[in-house]
Structure formats: C-alpha cells, structure tokens
C-alpha cells in the first residue's frame, strides 16, 4: 500500500491538467486560436462534459515545435 501511495505522489506532479483559459494565458492566444488548434489536431486535449483540458507536457511539446517552425 505504501508503494502505491508513493507512486501516485511521484506521478501526480508529472502532468498537470490545464484549462483552456490557462493555456490561452500561457501561450498569449485567443480562445478561438486554441479552438483552431483543437480542430486541426495540432494540440491534443481531453474533454469532460463541455470543458476541455490540456496536459502541461503537451503544451510544452507544442511550444517547442512552434519555436522550431518560427526559426
């Protein structure tokens, strides 16, 4: 039981889930731009009910890719 709790604590901080508002603020984009990224498959997301969530690791990967494309 202690091992399971330890593993859960270790993995808990690895991938935070962000809301659409969080992502828009981080990337300095509009909600419409974020929707376009969702629609064309550029940015992966999960949806619970009507709300979309984004993994922080996916956002980091996305920002790394966009920096490469801009060079």
PDB file of N, CA and C in Angstrom:
ATOM      1  N   UNK A   1       0.829  -1.190   0.000  1.00  0.00           N
ATOM      2  CA  UNK A   1       0.000   0.000   0.000  1.00  0.00           C
ATOM      3  C   UNK A   1       0.873   1.254   0.000  1.00  0.00           C
ATOM      4  N   UNK A   2       1.994   1.207   0.717  1.00  0.00           N
ATOM      5  CA  UNK A   2       2.887   2.364   0.755  1.00  0.00           C
ATOM      6  C   UNK A   2       3.498   2.621  -0.612  1.00  0.00           C
ATOM      7  N   UNK A   3       3.819   1.538  -1.335  1.00  0.00           N
ATOM      8  CA  UNK A   3       4.405   1.700  -2.673  1.00  0.00           C
ATOM      9  C   UNK A   3       3.426   2.393  -3.613  1.00  0.00           C
ATOM     10  N   UNK A   4       2.169   2.011  -3.542  1.00  0.00           N
ATOM     11  CA  UNK A   4       1.151   2.608  -4.410  1.00  0.00           C
ATOM     12  C   UNK A   4       1.023   4.098  -4.108  1.00  0.00           C
ATOM     13  N   UNK A   5       0.977   4.455  -2.824  1.00  0.00           N
ATOM     14  CA  UNK A   5       0.875   5.868  -2.449  1.00  0.00           C
ATOM     15  C   UNK A   5       2.089   6.648  -2.929  1.00  0.00           C
ATOM     16  N   UNK A   6       3.272   6.040  -2.815  1.00  0.00           N
ATOM     17  CA  UNK A   6       4.494   6.701  -3.258  1.00  0.00           C
ATOM     18  C   UNK A   6       4.466   6.920  -4.766  1.00  0.00           C
ATOM     19  N   UNK A   7       4.074   5.898  -5.511  1.00  0.00           N
ATOM     20  CA  UNK A   7       3.986   6.024  -6.968  1.00  0.00           C
ATOM     21  C   UNK A   7       2.966   7.084  -7.370  1.00  0.00           C
ATOM     22  N   UNK A   8       1.851   7.126  -6.693  1.00  0.00           N
ATOM     23  CA  UNK A   8       0.829   8.124  -7.012  1.00  0.00           C
ATOM     24  C   UNK A   8       1.357   9.528  -6.764  1.00  0.00           C
ATOM     25  N   UNK A   9       2.061   9.728  -5.654  1.00  0.00           N
ATOM     26  CA  UNK A   9       2.620  11.043  -5.353  1.00  0.00           C
ATOM     27  C   UNK A   9       3.665  11.442  -6.384  1.00  0.00           C
ATOM     28  N   UNK A  10       4.503  10.495  -6.805  1.00  0.00           N
ATOM     29  CA  UNK A  10       5.549  10.796  -7.787  1.00  0.00           C
ATOM     30  C   UNK A  10       4.947  11.194  -9.124  1.00  0.00           C
ATOM     31  N   UNK A  11       3.911  10.494  -9.546  1.00  0.00           N
ATOM     32  CA  UNK A  11       3.307  10.745 -10.853  1.00  0.00           C
ATOM     33  C   UNK A  11       2.318  11.901 -10.838  1.00  0.00           C
ATOM     34  N   UNK A  12       1.912  12.320  -9.663  1.00  0.00           N
ATOM     35  CA  UNK A  12       0.916  13.375  -9.560  1.00  0.00           C
ATOM     36  C   UNK A  12       1.411  14.688 -10.152  1.00  0.00           C
ATOM     37  N   UNK A  13       2.661  15.021  -9.951  1.00  0.00           N
ATOM     38  CA  UNK A  13       3.185  16.306 -10.409  1.00  0.00           C
ATOM     39  C   UNK A  13       3.743  16.258 -11.823  1.00  0.00           C
ATOM     40  N   UNK A  14       3.829  15.082 -12.422  1.00  0.00           N
ATOM     41  CA  UNK A  14       4.457  14.974 -13.739  1.00  0.00           C
ATOM     42  C   UNK A  14       3.623  15.612 -14.832  1.00  0.00           C
ATOM     43  N   UNK A  15       2.320  15.472 -14.752  1.00  0.00           N
ATOM     44  CA  UNK A  15       1.471  16.008 -15.812  1.00  0.00           C
ATOM     45  C   UNK A  15       0.261  16.711 -15.227  1.00  0.00           C
ATOM     46  N   UNK A  16       0.370  18.000 -15.095  1.00  0.00           N
ATOM     47  CA  UNK A  16      -0.768  18.779 -14.627  1.00  0.00           C
ATOM     48  C   UNK A  16      -1.732  18.979 -15.783  1.00  0.00           C
ATOM     49  N   UNK A  17      -3.000  19.063 -15.462  1.00  0.00           N
ATOM     50  CA  UNK A  17      -4.020  19.353 -16.460  1.00  0.00           C
ATOM     51  C   UNK A  17      -4.351  20.835 -16.399  1.00  0.00           C
ATOM     52  N   UNK A  18      -4.402  21.460 -17.548  1.00  0.00           N
ATOM     53  CA  UNK A  18      -4.673  22.891 -17.644  1.00  0.00           C
ATOM     54  C   UNK A  18      -6.017  23.120 -18.321  1.00  0.00           C
ATOM     55  N   UNK A  19      -6.693  24.169 -17.917  1.00  0.00           N
ATOM     56  CA  UNK A  19      -7.943  24.544 -18.580  1.00  0.00           C
ATOM     57  C   UNK A  19      -7.622  25.359 -19.830  1.00  0.00           C
ATOM     58  N   UNK A  20      -8.624  25.580 -20.641  1.00  0.00           N
ATOM     59  CA  UNK A  20      -8.436  26.395 -21.835  1.00  0.00           C
ATOM     60  C   UNK A  20      -7.967  27.800 -21.497  1.00  0.00           C
ATOM     61  N   UNK A  21      -8.519  28.376 -20.433  1.00  0.00           N
ATOM     62  CA  UNK A  21      -8.104  29.724 -20.021  1.00  0.00           C
ATOM     63  C   UNK A  21      -6.634  29.744 -19.631  1.00  0.00           C
ATOM     64  N   UNK A  22      -6.187  28.705 -18.907  1.00  0.00           N
ATOM     65  CA  UNK A  22      -4.774  28.617 -18.524  1.00  0.00           C
ATOM     66  C   UNK A  22      -3.887  28.590 -19.760  1.00  0.00           C
ATOM     67  N   UNK A  23      -4.270  27.780 -20.736  1.00  0.00           N
ATOM     68  CA  UNK A  23      -3.468  27.625 -21.953  1.00  0.00           C
ATOM     69  C   UNK A  23      -3.428  28.936 -22.738  1.00  0.00           C
ATOM     70  N   UNK A  24      -4.567  29.603 -22.851  1.00  0.00           N
ATOM     71  CA  UNK A  24      -4.612  30.889 -23.565  1.00  0.00           C
ATOM     72  C   UNK A  24      -3.687  31.909 -22.910  1.00  0.00           C
ATOM     73  N   UNK A  25      -3.686  31.949 -21.588  1.00  0.00           N
ATOM     74  CA  UNK A  25      -2.810  32.884 -20.879  1.00  0.00           C
ATOM     75  C   UNK A  25      -1.343  32.524 -21.082  1.00  0.00           C
ATOM     76  N   UNK A  26      -1.027  31.232 -20.998  1.00  0.00           N
ATOM     77  CA  UNK A  26       0.360  30.793 -21.155  1.00  0.00           C
ATOM     78  C   UNK A  26       0.908  31.080 -22.544  1.00  0.00           C
ATOM     79  N   UNK A  27       0.085  30.817 -23.560  1.00  0.00           N
ATOM     80  CA  UNK A  27       0.543  30.950 -24.944  1.00  0.00           C
ATOM     81  C   UNK A  27       0.259  32.334 -25.534  1.00  0.00           C
ATOM     82  N   UNK A  28      -0.453  33.166 -24.789  1.00  0.00           N
ATOM     83  CA  UNK A  28      -0.838  34.501 -25.275  1.00  0.00           C
ATOM     84  C   UNK A  28      -1.618  34.396 -26.582  1.00  0.00           C
ATOM     85  N   UNK A  29      -2.648  33.541 -26.555  1.00  0.00           N
ATOM     86  CA  UNK A  29      -3.504  33.356 -27.727  1.00  0.00           C
ATOM     87  C   UNK A  29      -4.960  33.541 -27.314  1.00  0.00           C
ATOM     88  N   UNK A  30      -5.820  33.706 -28.302  1.00  0.00           N
ATOM     89  CA  UNK A  30      -7.248  33.835 -28.028  1.00  0.00           C
ATOM     90  C   UNK A  30      -7.877  32.449 -27.897  1.00  0.00           C
ATOM     91  N   UNK A  31      -9.080  32.417 -27.351  1.00  0.00           N
ATOM     92  CA  UNK A  31      -9.781  31.136 -27.223  1.00  0.00           C
ATOM     93  C   UNK A  31     -10.117  30.573 -28.604  1.00  0.00           C
ATOM     94  N   UNK A  32     -10.321  31.441 -29.578  1.00  0.00           N
ATOM     95  CA  UNK A  32     -10.600  30.987 -30.952  1.00  0.00           C
ATOM     96  C   UNK A  32      -9.377  30.315 -31.560  1.00  0.00           C
ATOM     97  N   UNK A  33      -8.185  30.851 -31.301  1.00  0.00           N
ATOM     98  CA  UNK A  33      -6.956  30.212 -31.791  1.00  0.00           C
ATOM     99  C   UNK A  33      -6.791  28.839 -31.157  1.00  0.00           C
ATOM    100  N   UNK A  34      -7.087  28.760 -29.868  1.00  0.00           N
ATOM    101  CA  UNK A  34      -6.990  27.477 -29.170  1.00  0.00           C
ATOM    102  C   UNK A  34      -7.965  26.472 -29.774  1.00  0.00           C
ATOM    103  N   UNK A  35      -9.163  26.928 -30.102  1.00  0.00           N
ATOM    104  CA  UNK A  35     -10.147  26.054 -30.736  1.00  0.00           C
ATOM    105  C   UNK A  35      -9.647  25.569 -32.096  1.00  0.00           C
ATOM    106  N   UNK A  36      -8.998  26.436 -32.838  1.00  0.00           N
ATOM    107  CA  UNK A  36      -8.440  26.043 -34.141  1.00  0.00           C
ATOM    108  C   UNK A  36      -7.381  24.961 -33.971  1.00  0.00           C
ATOM    109  N   UNK A  37      -6.534  25.100 -32.952  1.00  0.00           N
ATOM    110  CA  UNK A  37      -5.516  24.080 -32.679  1.00  0.00           C
ATOM    111  C   UNK A  37      -6.169  22.745 -32.324  1.00  0.00           C
ATOM    112  N   UNK A  38      -7.289  22.797 -31.600  1.00  0.00           N
ATOM    113  CA  UNK A  38      -8.022  21.565 -31.277  1.00  0.00           C
ATOM    114  C   UNK A  38      -8.619  20.965 -32.539  1.00  0.00           C
ATOM    115  N   UNK A  39      -9.266  21.811 -33.341  1.00  0.00           N
ATOM    116  CA  UNK A  39      -9.979  21.339 -34.532  1.00  0.00           C
ATOM    117  C   UNK A  39      -9.060  20.685 -35.552  1.00  0.00           C
ATOM    118  N   UNK A  40      -7.860  21.253 -35.741  1.00  0.00           N
ATOM    119  CA  UNK A  40      -6.973  20.682 -36.763  1.00  0.00           C
ATOM    120  C   UNK A  40      -6.003  19.642 -36.195  1.00  0.00           C
ATOM    121  N   UNK A  41      -6.158  19.304 -34.908  1.00  0.00           N
ATOM    122  CA  UNK A  41      -5.351  18.237 -34.319  1.00  0.00           C
ATOM    123  C   UNK A  41      -3.949  18.651 -33.918  1.00  0.00           C
ATOM    124  N   UNK A  42      -3.676  19.942 -33.924  1.00  0.00           N
ATOM    125  CA  UNK A  42      -2.349  20.431 -33.566  1.00  0.00           C
ATOM    126  C   UNK A  42      -2.070  20.253 -32.084  1.00  0.00           C
ATOM    127  N   UNK A  43      -3.093  20.428 -31.263  1.00  0.00           N
ATOM    128  CA  UNK A  43      -2.928  20.372 -29.816  1.00  0.00           C
ATOM    129  C   UNK A  43      -3.881  19.329 -29.230  1.00  0.00           C
ATOM    130  N   UNK A  44      -3.332  18.249 -28.647  1.00  0.00           N
ATOM    131  CA  UNK A  44      -4.198  17.220 -28.054  1.00  0.00           C
ATOM    132  C   UNK A  44      -4.921  17.748 -26.811  1.00  0.00           C
ATOM    133  N   UNK A  45      -6.097  17.212 -26.561  1.00  0.00           N
ATOM    134  CA  UNK A  45      -6.883  17.634 -25.402  1.00  0.00           C
ATOM    135  C   UNK A  45      -7.798  16.499 -24.968  1.00  0.00           C
ATOM    136  N   UNK A  46      -8.332  16.622 -23.778  1.00  0.00           N
ATOM    137  CA  UNK A  46      -9.351  15.708 -23.269  1.00  0.00           C
ATOM    138  C   UNK A  46     -10.555  16.542 -22.884  1.00  0.00           C
ATOM    139  N   UNK A  47     -11.729  15.974 -23.099  1.00  0.00           N
ATOM    140  CA  UNK A  47     -12.940  16.720 -22.809  1.00  0.00           C
ATOM    141  C   UNK A  47     -13.764  15.971 -21.771  1.00  0.00           C
ATOM    142  N   UNK A  48     -14.167  16.696 -20.744  1.00  0.00           N
ATOM    143  CA  UNK A  48     -15.058  16.155 -19.723  1.00  0.00           C
ATOM    144  C   UNK A  48     -16.286  17.049 -19.720  1.00  0.00           C
ATOM    145  N   UNK A  49     -17.390  16.478 -20.123  1.00  0.00           N
ATOM    146  CA  UNK A  49     -18.596  17.290 -20.288  1.00  0.00           C
ATOM    147  C   UNK A  49     -18.370  18.272 -21.419  1.00  0.00           C
ATOM    148  N   UNK A  50     -18.508  19.545 -21.108  1.00  0.00           N
ATOM    149  CA  UNK A  50     -18.292  20.573 -22.132  1.00  0.00           C
ATOM    150  C   UNK A  50     -16.958  21.281 -21.974  1.00  0.00           C
ATOM    151  N   UNK A  51     -16.138  20.838 -21.020  1.00  0.00           N
ATOM    152  CA  UNK A  51     -14.883  21.530 -20.716  1.00  0.00           C
ATOM    153  C   UNK A  51     -13.690  20.745 -21.251  1.00  0.00           C
ATOM    154  N   UNK A  52     -12.753  21.457 -21.879  1.00  0.00           N
ATOM    155  CA  UNK A  52     -11.550  20.842 -22.437  1.00  0.00           C
ATOM    156  C   UNK A  52     -10.376  21.048 -21.490  1.00  0.00           C
ATOM    157  N   UNK A  53      -9.547  20.014 -21.392  1.00  0.00           N
ATOM    158  CA  UNK A  53      -8.349  20.064 -20.553  1.00  0.00           C
ATOM    159  C   UNK A  53      -7.142  19.667 -21.388  1.00  0.00           C
ATOM    160  N   UNK A  54      -5.996  20.224 -21.033  1.00  0.00           N
ATOM    161  CA  UNK A  54      -4.768  20.020 -21.791  1.00  0.00           C
ATOM    162  C   UNK A  54      -3.662  19.604 -20.833  1.00  0.00           C
ATOM    163  N   UNK A  55      -2.869  18.614 -21.240  1.00  0.00           N
ATOM    164  CA  UNK A  55      -1.733  18.195 -20.419  1.00  0.00           C
ATOM    165  C   UNK A  55      -0.618  19.224 -20.551  1.00  0.00           C
ATOM    166  N   UNK A  56       0.016  19.530 -19.433  1.00  0.00           N
ATOM    167  CA  UNK A  56       1.105  20.510 -19.465  1.00  0.00           C
ATOM    168  C   UNK A  56       2.246  20.025 -20.355  1.00  0.00           C
ATOM    169  N   UNK A  57       2.476  18.712 -20.395  1.00  0.00           N
ATOM    170  CA  UNK A  57       3.550  18.181 -21.248  1.00  0.00           C
ATOM    171  C   UNK A  57       3.233  18.401 -22.727  1.00  0.00           C
ATOM    172  N   UNK A  58       1.956  18.305 -23.095  1.00  0.00           N
ATOM    173  CA  UNK A  58       1.566  18.563 -24.488  1.00  0.00           C
ATOM    174  C   UNK A  58       1.762  20.035 -24.845  1.00  0.00           C
ATOM    175  N   UNK A  59       1.496  20.923 -23.897  1.00  0.00           N
ATOM    176  CA  UNK A  59       1.694  22.354 -24.136  1.00  0.00           C
ATOM    177  C   UNK A  59       3.178  22.647 -24.308  1.00  0.00           C
ATOM    178  N   UNK A  60       4.013  22.029 -23.465  1.00  0.00           N
ATOM    179  CA  UNK A  60       5.466  22.217 -23.584  1.00  0.00           C
ATOM    180  C   UNK A  60       5.962  21.717 -24.934  1.00  0.00           C
ATOM    181  N   UNK A  61       5.478  20.563 -25.356  1.00  0.00           N
ATOM    182  CA  UNK A  61       5.865  20.000 -26.650  1.00  0.00           C
ATOM    183  C   UNK A  61       5.412  20.918 -27.781  1.00  0.00           C
ATOM    184  N   UNK A  62       4.201  21.438 -27.674  1.00  0.00           N
ATOM    185  CA  UNK A  62       3.647  22.339 -28.683  1.00  0.00           C
ATOM    186  C   UNK A  62       4.482  23.612 -28.796  1.00  0.00           C
ATOM    187  N   UNK A  63       4.857  24.200 -27.674  1.00  0.00           N
ATOM    188  CA  UNK A  63       5.645  25.431 -27.719  1.00  0.00           C
ATOM    189  C   UNK A  63       7.024  25.164 -28.293  1.00  0.00           C
ATOM    190  N   UNK A  64       7.593  24.005 -28.023  1.00  0.00           N
ATOM    191  CA  UNK A  64       8.889  23.645 -28.602  1.00  0.00           C
ATOM    192  C   UNK A  64       8.803  23.500 -30.104  1.00  0.00           C
ATOM    193  N   UNK A  65       7.728  22.889 -30.596  1.00  0.00           N
ATOM    194  CA  UNK A  65       7.544  22.712 -32.036  1.00  0.00           C
ATOM    195  C   UNK A  65       7.309  24.042 -32.726  1.00  0.00           C
ATOM    196  N   UNK A  66       6.543  24.923 -32.099  1.00  0.00           N
ATOM    197  CA  UNK A  66       6.255  26.202 -32.755  1.00  0.00           C
ATOM    198  C   UNK A  66       7.497  27.085 -32.799  1.00  0.00           C
ATOM    199  N   UNK A  67       8.396  26.954 -31.821  1.00  0.00           N
ATOM    200  CA  UNK A  67       9.644  27.718 -31.854  1.00  0.00           C
ATOM    201  C   UNK A  67      10.527  27.237 -32.994  1.00  0.00           C
ATOM    202  N   UNK A  68      10.538  25.938 -33.238  1.00  0.00           N
ATOM    203  CA  UNK A  68      11.339  25.386 -34.336  1.00  0.00           C
ATOM    204  C   UNK A  68      10.790  25.880 -35.674  1.00  0.00           C
ATOM    205  N   UNK A  69       9.456  25.894 -35.830  1.00  0.00           N
ATOM    206  CA  UNK A  69       8.841  26.331 -37.081  1.00  0.00           C
ATOM    207  C   UNK A  69       9.077  27.812 -37.342  1.00  0.00           C
ATOM    208  N   UNK A  70       9.180  28.607 -36.279  1.00  0.00           N
ATOM    209  CA  UNK A  70       9.357  30.051 -36.438  1.00  0.00           C
ATOM    210  C   UNK A  70      10.782  30.435 -36.798  1.00  0.00           C
ATOM    211  N   UNK A  71      11.734  29.537 -36.649  1.00  0.00           N
ATOM    212  CA  UNK A  71      13.139  29.861 -36.941  1.00  0.00           C
ATOM    213  C   UNK A  71      13.413  29.834 -38.417  1.00  0.00           C
TER     214      UNK A  71
END
